[in-house]
Structures are given as C-alpha cells and as structure tokens.
Amino acid sequence: MVRTGIVLFVIAILFGLIGYVVYLKMLNNIYTNKPVITLPTPTYTSVESDNDNGTKTYTSNFMKISFEYPSSYSLSNDLTSVTLTNGKSTISFGRSGTQYSTVGKHTDSLINTFTQTKILEKTNNVTNSGVEYVRLTLENPQFGKNSVYFIVSNYAVFRFETNDPALFADLDTIAKSFRILSE
C-alpha cells in the first residue's frame, strides 16, 4: 500500500515535470515566433553650402528651414538644434513646440514667467523672407545679457540666441536670414 502511494507520487511528479516543460516550450514559441516589427530610424539631412558673400547657408530638410551665417563660424547640429561657434562664443538655434499659433502670443506667455529677468528691449518685425519674429534683449543677474529671436510657424518655435553682446550683430543678421521652406 505504501509502495503504491510512492509509485503514484512519482508518476504525479513526472507528469508535473513533463507538463512544466511543455508549458515552457509553448511560452518560448509564443515569444520567439512573433513577427518582428522594425520601425524605421528617422533620418534627416542638413546641408551647408558656401555663398559668394562670405556666408554659408544651413538647410535642414527635417525642420524645413534654412538660414545664412558667417563663414568664420563653425557649425555643429543634431535633429532640432544647431550651435554656431566663433572663438569661445556661440549662437544657438533650436526648435520646439508651442501651444500658441503666433509668435506674439508665445512670447507674451513666456514673458509672464520671468522672475529675475529684465526685458531691456522687445522688437517685433519680419525676416528678409517675410516671417514674423520677436526679438528680446534680456538681462538676468545670473546669466547676464542675452539676445533671443523667436519665430513661430505651425505651432513650432524656432529660437536663435546668444549671451555674448559681441555676437549680437551677427545674431541679427543670421536670424533675419531665416527661411521656412515649402513642403
């Protein structure tokens, strides 16, 4: 009787092990036989071209924009930002989103968030290609003087800025050359 109990116990253990192995095989098949979906890696190209007037043109097909900058600057970029370097100073360009459809509404909402930053000058105008911009000259006790251009198109904010007053004139020229490319 005890012997029959032990035999039945061993048989139950074997069936349990066989069932567990079959279960693991099924799980393995479920996870390894699924089709693999590979999403394409986003690609972008940017082009720098020399101009006859001592400038270069930067064009981004991803952001659908272009602008000119002095040939004396070096350029580094990624998907949505550009850094122009002249010696130890930089002019940066970036793109982000906004909930506002116009540059005026965007900058007004931004100005309302300033606590220690003083607005020294605010200018509304248009670029050489007719794109509306707002230029702010700011002063902050921690960061010093800063000049920033904001351009809004299709709920995207394009921003040029530098905190080196020696580059303010170059910043003006670069930002005013900004163009939005057609699709």
C-alpha atoms as a PDB file:
ATOM      1  CA  MET A   1       0.000   0.000   0.000  1.00  0.00           C
ATOM      2  CA  VAL A   2       2.788   2.390   0.876  1.00  0.00           C
ATOM      3  CA  ARG A   3       4.589   1.215  -2.216  1.00  0.00           C
ATOM      4  CA  THR A   4       1.565   2.049  -4.422  1.00  0.00           C
ATOM      5  CA  GLY A   5       1.391   5.502  -2.834  1.00  0.00           C
ATOM      6  CA  ILE A   6       5.055   6.157  -3.617  1.00  0.00           C
ATOM      7  CA  VAL A   7       4.639   4.968  -7.223  1.00  0.00           C
ATOM      8  CA  LEU A   8       1.605   7.229  -7.714  1.00  0.00           C
ATOM      9  CA  PHE A   9       3.502  10.141  -6.151  1.00  0.00           C
ATOM     10  CA  VAL A  10       6.484   9.598  -8.507  1.00  0.00           C
ATOM     11  CA  ILE A  11       4.122   9.340 -11.515  1.00  0.00           C
ATOM     12  CA  ALA A  12       2.402  12.602 -10.449  1.00  0.00           C
ATOM     13  CA  ILE A  13       5.797  14.319 -10.139  1.00  0.00           C
ATOM     14  CA  LEU A  14       6.825  13.089 -13.621  1.00  0.00           C
ATOM     15  CA  PHE A  15       3.551  14.301 -15.178  1.00  0.00           C
ATOM     16  CA  GLY A  16       4.062  17.640 -13.418  1.00  0.00           C
ATOM     17  CA  LEU A  17       7.606  17.974 -14.796  1.00  0.00           C
ATOM     18  CA  ILE A  18       6.513  16.960 -18.307  1.00  0.00           C
ATOM     19  CA  GLY A  19       3.635  19.468 -18.133  1.00  0.00           C
ATOM     20  CA  TYR A  20       6.007  22.228 -16.975  1.00  0.00           C
ATOM     21  CA  VAL A  21       8.476  21.502 -19.815  1.00  0.00           C
ATOM     22  CA  VAL A  22       5.629  21.581 -22.366  1.00  0.00           C
ATOM     23  CA  TYR A  23       4.399  24.888 -20.854  1.00  0.00           C
ATOM     24  CA  LEU A  24       7.886  26.447 -21.144  1.00  0.00           C
ATOM     25  CA  LYS A  25       8.180  25.278 -24.778  1.00  0.00           C
ATOM     26  CA  MET A  26       4.832  26.871 -25.583  1.00  0.00           C
ATOM     27  CA  LEU A  27       5.888  30.153 -23.960  1.00  0.00           C
ATOM     28  CA  ASN A  28       9.139  30.099 -25.884  1.00  0.00           C
ATOM     29  CA  ASN A  29       7.271  29.576 -29.163  1.00  0.00           C
ATOM     30  CA  ILE A  30       4.863  32.394 -28.373  1.00  0.00           C
ATOM     31  CA  TYR A  31       7.680  34.893 -27.789  1.00  0.00           C
ATOM     32  CA  THR A  32      10.115  33.750 -30.455  1.00  0.00           C
ATOM     33  CA  ASN A  33       7.731  33.117 -33.345  1.00  0.00           C
ATOM     34  CA  LYS A  34       6.051  36.534 -33.290  1.00  0.00           C
ATOM     35  CA  PRO A  35       6.788  38.662 -36.312  1.00  0.00           C
ATOM     36  CA  VAL A  36       9.374  41.312 -35.580  1.00  0.00           C
ATOM     37  CA  ILE A  37       8.276  44.809 -36.484  1.00  0.00           C
ATOM     38  CA  THR A  38      11.156  47.159 -37.088  1.00  0.00           C
ATOM     39  CA  LEU A  39      10.354  50.841 -37.183  1.00  0.00           C
ATOM     40  CA  PRO A  40      12.497  52.913 -39.485  1.00  0.00           C
ATOM     41  CA  THR A  41      15.067  55.123 -37.822  1.00  0.00           C
ATOM     42  CA  PRO A  42      14.213  58.750 -38.512  1.00  0.00           C
ATOM     43  CA  THR A  43      16.678  60.217 -40.925  1.00  0.00           C
ATOM     44  CA  TYR A  44      17.490  63.793 -41.587  1.00  0.00           C
ATOM     45  CA  THR A  45      19.927  65.604 -43.709  1.00  0.00           C
ATOM     46  CA  SER A  46      21.348  69.017 -43.338  1.00  0.00           C
ATOM     47  CA  VAL A  47      23.327  70.827 -45.946  1.00  0.00           C
ATOM     48  CA  GLU A  48      25.901  73.557 -45.586  1.00  0.00           C
ATOM     49  CA  SER A  49      26.709  75.465 -48.737  1.00  0.00           C
ATOM     50  CA  ASP A  50      29.137  78.319 -49.392  1.00  0.00           C
ATOM     51  CA  ASN A  51      27.827  81.613 -50.742  1.00  0.00           C
ATOM     52  CA  ASP A  52      29.703  84.303 -52.688  1.00  0.00           C
ATOM     53  CA  ASN A  53      29.177  86.957 -49.979  1.00  0.00           C
ATOM     54  CA  GLY A  54      31.320  85.392 -47.208  1.00  0.00           C
ATOM     55  CA  THR A  55      28.449  83.434 -45.715  1.00  0.00           C
ATOM     56  CA  LYS A  56      27.296  79.845 -45.663  1.00  0.00           C
ATOM     57  CA  THR A  57      23.727  78.583 -45.832  1.00  0.00           C
ATOM     58  CA  TYR A  58      22.491  75.927 -43.426  1.00  0.00           C
ATOM     59  CA  THR A  59      19.471  73.936 -44.644  1.00  0.00           C
ATOM     60  CA  SER A  60      17.617  71.266 -42.656  1.00  0.00           C
ATOM     61  CA  ASN A  61      15.183  69.098 -44.583  1.00  0.00           C
ATOM     62  CA  PHE A  62      13.836  67.714 -41.273  1.00  0.00           C
ATOM     63  CA  MET A  63      12.947  71.110 -39.800  1.00  0.00           C
ATOM     64  CA  LYS A  64      12.169  72.559 -43.257  1.00  0.00           C
ATOM     65  CA  ILE A  65      14.244  75.686 -42.585  1.00  0.00           C
ATOM     66  CA  SER A  66      17.364  77.455 -43.762  1.00  0.00           C
ATOM     67  CA  PHE A  67      19.459  80.425 -42.658  1.00  0.00           C
ATOM     68  CA  GLU A  68      22.746  82.091 -43.531  1.00  0.00           C
ATOM     69  CA  TYR A  69      25.673  82.509 -41.162  1.00  0.00           C
ATOM     70  CA  PRO A  70      29.193  83.995 -41.480  1.00  0.00           C
ATOM     71  CA  SER A  71      31.803  81.624 -42.961  1.00  0.00           C
ATOM     72  CA  SER A  72      34.042  82.319 -39.949  1.00  0.00           C
ATOM     73  CA  TYR A  73      31.698  80.284 -37.712  1.00  0.00           C
ATOM     74  CA  SER A  74      31.892  76.525 -37.246  1.00  0.00           C
ATOM     75  CA  LEU A  75      28.600  74.630 -37.131  1.00  0.00           C
ATOM     76  CA  SER A  76      27.504  71.535 -35.226  1.00  0.00           C
ATOM     77  CA  ASN A  77      23.976  70.177 -35.283  1.00  0.00           C
ATOM     78  CA  ASP A  78      21.571  67.405 -34.433  1.00  0.00           C
ATOM     79  CA  LEU A  79      17.945  66.786 -35.311  1.00  0.00           C
ATOM     80  CA  THR A  80      16.439  70.012 -33.877  1.00  0.00           C
ATOM     81  CA  SER A  81      19.339  72.210 -32.786  1.00  0.00           C
ATOM     82  CA  VAL A  82      22.361  73.975 -34.212  1.00  0.00           C
ATOM     83  CA  THR A  83      25.341  75.555 -32.485  1.00  0.00           C
ATOM     84  CA  LEU A  84      27.374  78.177 -34.309  1.00  0.00           C
ATOM     85  CA  THR A  85      30.773  78.786 -32.713  1.00  0.00           C
ATOM     86  CA  ASN A  86      33.028  81.797 -33.200  1.00  0.00           C
ATOM     87  CA  GLY A  87      36.092  81.502 -30.981  1.00  0.00           C
ATOM     88  CA  LYS A  88      34.803  80.825 -27.463  1.00  0.00           C
ATOM     89  CA  SER A  89      31.346  82.296 -28.078  1.00  0.00           C
ATOM     90  CA  THR A  90      28.266  80.638 -29.522  1.00  0.00           C
ATOM     91  CA  ILE A  91      24.959  81.363 -31.147  1.00  0.00           C
ATOM     92  CA  SER A  92      22.473  78.582 -30.632  1.00  0.00           C
ATOM     93  CA  PHE A  93      19.419  77.659 -32.660  1.00  0.00           C
ATOM     94  CA  GLY A  94      16.694  75.307 -31.530  1.00  0.00           C
ATOM     95  CA  ARG A  95      13.235  74.108 -32.427  1.00  0.00           C
ATOM     96  CA  SER A  96      10.473  73.052 -30.024  1.00  0.00           C
ATOM     97  CA  GLY A  97       6.691  73.052 -29.863  1.00  0.00           C
ATOM     98  CA  THR A  98       4.237  75.607 -28.534  1.00  0.00           C
ATOM     99  CA  GLN A  99       0.531  75.769 -27.835  1.00  0.00           C
ATOM    100  CA  TYR A 100       0.348  79.201 -29.465  1.00  0.00           C
ATOM    101  CA  SER A 101      -0.253  79.907 -33.128  1.00  0.00           C
ATOM    102  CA  THR A 102       1.561  83.262 -33.219  1.00  0.00           C
ATOM    103  CA  VAL A 103       4.941  84.475 -32.057  1.00  0.00           C
ATOM    104  CA  GLY A 104       3.329  87.340 -30.132  1.00  0.00           C
ATOM    105  CA  LYS A 105       1.152  85.041 -28.035  1.00  0.00           C
ATOM    106  CA  HIS A 106       4.092  82.691 -27.432  1.00  0.00           C
ATOM    107  CA  THR A 107       6.476  85.407 -26.239  1.00  0.00           C
ATOM    108  CA  ASP A 108       3.784  87.139 -24.134  1.00  0.00           C
ATOM    109  CA  SER A 109       3.159  83.868 -22.278  1.00  0.00           C
ATOM    110  CA  LEU A 110       6.907  83.375 -21.854  1.00  0.00           C
ATOM    111  CA  ILE A 111       7.472  86.914 -20.550  1.00  0.00           C
ATOM    112  CA  ASN A 112       4.869  86.307 -17.852  1.00  0.00           C
ATOM    113  CA  THR A 113       7.100  83.541 -16.428  1.00  0.00           C
ATOM    114  CA  PHE A 114      10.184  85.769 -15.997  1.00  0.00           C
ATOM    115  CA  THR A 115      11.014  86.432 -12.357  1.00  0.00           C
ATOM    116  CA  GLN A 116      14.544  87.827 -12.142  1.00  0.00           C
ATOM    117  CA  THR A 117      14.925  88.570 -15.845  1.00  0.00           C
ATOM    118  CA  LYS A 118      14.563  92.159 -17.033  1.00  0.00           C
ATOM    119  CA  ILE A 119      13.405  92.908 -20.564  1.00  0.00           C
ATOM    120  CA  LEU A 120      15.701  95.597 -21.919  1.00  0.00           C
ATOM    121  CA  GLU A 121      14.166  95.643 -25.403  1.00  0.00           C
ATOM    122  CA  LYS A 122      11.344  93.926 -27.291  1.00  0.00           C
ATOM    123  CA  THR A 123      11.137  94.226 -31.075  1.00  0.00           C
ATOM    124  CA  ASN A 124       8.501  92.799 -33.422  1.00  0.00           C
ATOM    125  CA  ASN A 125       9.450  92.628 -37.098  1.00  0.00           C
ATOM    126  CA  VAL A 126       9.776  90.297 -40.076  1.00  0.00           C
ATOM    127  CA  THR A 127      12.740  88.398 -41.510  1.00  0.00           C
ATOM    128  CA  ASN A 128      14.075  89.048 -45.012  1.00  0.00           C
ATOM    129  CA  SER A 129      11.708  86.332 -46.265  1.00  0.00           C
ATOM    130  CA  GLY A 130       8.658  87.843 -44.532  1.00  0.00           C
ATOM    131  CA  VAL A 131       8.485  85.583 -41.455  1.00  0.00           C
ATOM    132  CA  GLU A 132       7.314  87.397 -38.296  1.00  0.00           C
ATOM    133  CA  TYR A 133       9.677  87.357 -35.316  1.00  0.00           C
ATOM    134  CA  VAL A 134      10.020  88.813 -31.818  1.00  0.00           C
ATOM    135  CA  ARG A 135      13.473  89.794 -30.580  1.00  0.00           C
ATOM    136  CA  LEU A 136      14.042  90.125 -26.840  1.00  0.00           C
ATOM    137  CA  THR A 137      17.123  91.610 -25.223  1.00  0.00           C
ATOM    138  CA  LEU A 138      17.173  90.315 -21.665  1.00  0.00           C
ATOM    139  CA  GLU A 139      19.263  90.786 -18.570  1.00  0.00           C
ATOM    140  CA  ASN A 140      19.458  88.295 -15.747  1.00  0.00           C
ATOM    141  CA  PRO A 141      21.671  88.641 -12.636  1.00  0.00           C
ATOM    142  CA  GLN A 142      22.823  85.044 -13.016  1.00  0.00           C
ATOM    143  CA  PHE A 143      23.322  84.857 -16.809  1.00  0.00           C
ATOM    144  CA  GLY A 144      23.987  88.464 -17.848  1.00  0.00           C
ATOM    145  CA  LYS A 145      22.755  89.945 -21.117  1.00  0.00           C
ATOM    146  CA  ASN A 146      21.077  87.733 -23.687  1.00  0.00           C
ATOM    147  CA  SER A 147      19.540  88.359 -27.091  1.00  0.00           C
ATOM    148  CA  VAL A 148      16.860  85.938 -28.307  1.00  0.00           C
ATOM    149  CA  TYR A 149      14.850  85.730 -31.525  1.00  0.00           C
ATOM    150  CA  PHE A 150      11.580  83.781 -31.503  1.00  0.00           C
ATOM    151  CA  ILE A 151       9.776  82.657 -34.654  1.00  0.00           C
ATOM    152  CA  VAL A 152       6.550  80.613 -34.563  1.00  0.00           C
ATOM    153  CA  SER A 153       5.181  78.629 -37.501  1.00  0.00           C
ATOM    154  CA  ASN A 154       2.636  75.786 -37.381  1.00  0.00           C
ATOM    155  CA  TYR A 155       2.940  75.535 -33.584  1.00  0.00           C
ATOM    156  CA  ALA A 156       6.718  75.145 -33.768  1.00  0.00           C
ATOM    157  CA  VAL A 157       9.006  77.657 -32.053  1.00  0.00           C
ATOM    158  CA  PHE A 158      12.334  78.452 -33.676  1.00  0.00           C
ATOM    159  CA  ARG A 159      14.780  80.233 -31.368  1.00  0.00           C
ATOM    160  CA  PHE A 160      18.125  81.910 -32.066  1.00  0.00           C
ATOM    161  CA  GLU A 161      20.101  83.221 -29.092  1.00  0.00           C
ATOM    162  CA  THR A 162      23.452  84.278 -27.700  1.00  0.00           C
ATOM    163  CA  ASN A 163      24.632  85.659 -24.391  1.00  0.00           C
ATOM    164  CA  ASP A 164      27.697  87.363 -25.868  1.00  0.00           C
ATOM    165  CA  PRO A 165      26.961  91.021 -26.719  1.00  0.00           C
ATOM    166  CA  ALA A 166      29.873  90.938 -29.197  1.00  0.00           C
ATOM    167  CA  LEU A 167      27.798  88.499 -31.308  1.00  0.00           C
ATOM    168  CA  PHE A 168      24.502  90.446 -31.186  1.00  0.00           C
ATOM    169  CA  ALA A 169      25.087  91.985 -34.663  1.00  0.00           C
ATOM    170  CA  ASP A 170      25.851  88.543 -36.179  1.00  0.00           C
ATOM    171  CA  LEU A 171      22.788  87.121 -34.415  1.00  0.00           C
ATOM    172  CA  ASP A 172      20.641  89.844 -36.005  1.00  0.00           C
ATOM    173  CA  THR A 173      21.977  89.026 -39.479  1.00  0.00           C
ATOM    174  CA  ILE A 174      21.591  85.263 -39.023  1.00  0.00           C
ATOM    175  CA  ALA A 175      18.049  85.420 -37.598  1.00  0.00           C
ATOM    176  CA  LYS A 176      16.857  87.856 -40.255  1.00  0.00           C
ATOM    177  CA  SER A 177      18.051  85.447 -42.983  1.00  0.00           C
ATOM    178  CA  PHE A 178      15.819  82.664 -41.563  1.00  0.00           C
ATOM    179  CA  ARG A 179      13.501  80.999 -44.093  1.00  0.00           C
ATOM    180  CA  ILE A 180      10.798  78.365 -43.750  1.00  0.00           C
ATOM    181  CA  LEU A 181      10.983  76.001 -46.705  1.00  0.00           C
ATOM    182  CA  SER A 182       7.888  74.812 -48.502  1.00  0.00           C
ATOM    183  CA  GLU A 183       6.949  71.139 -48.252  1.00  0.00           C
END
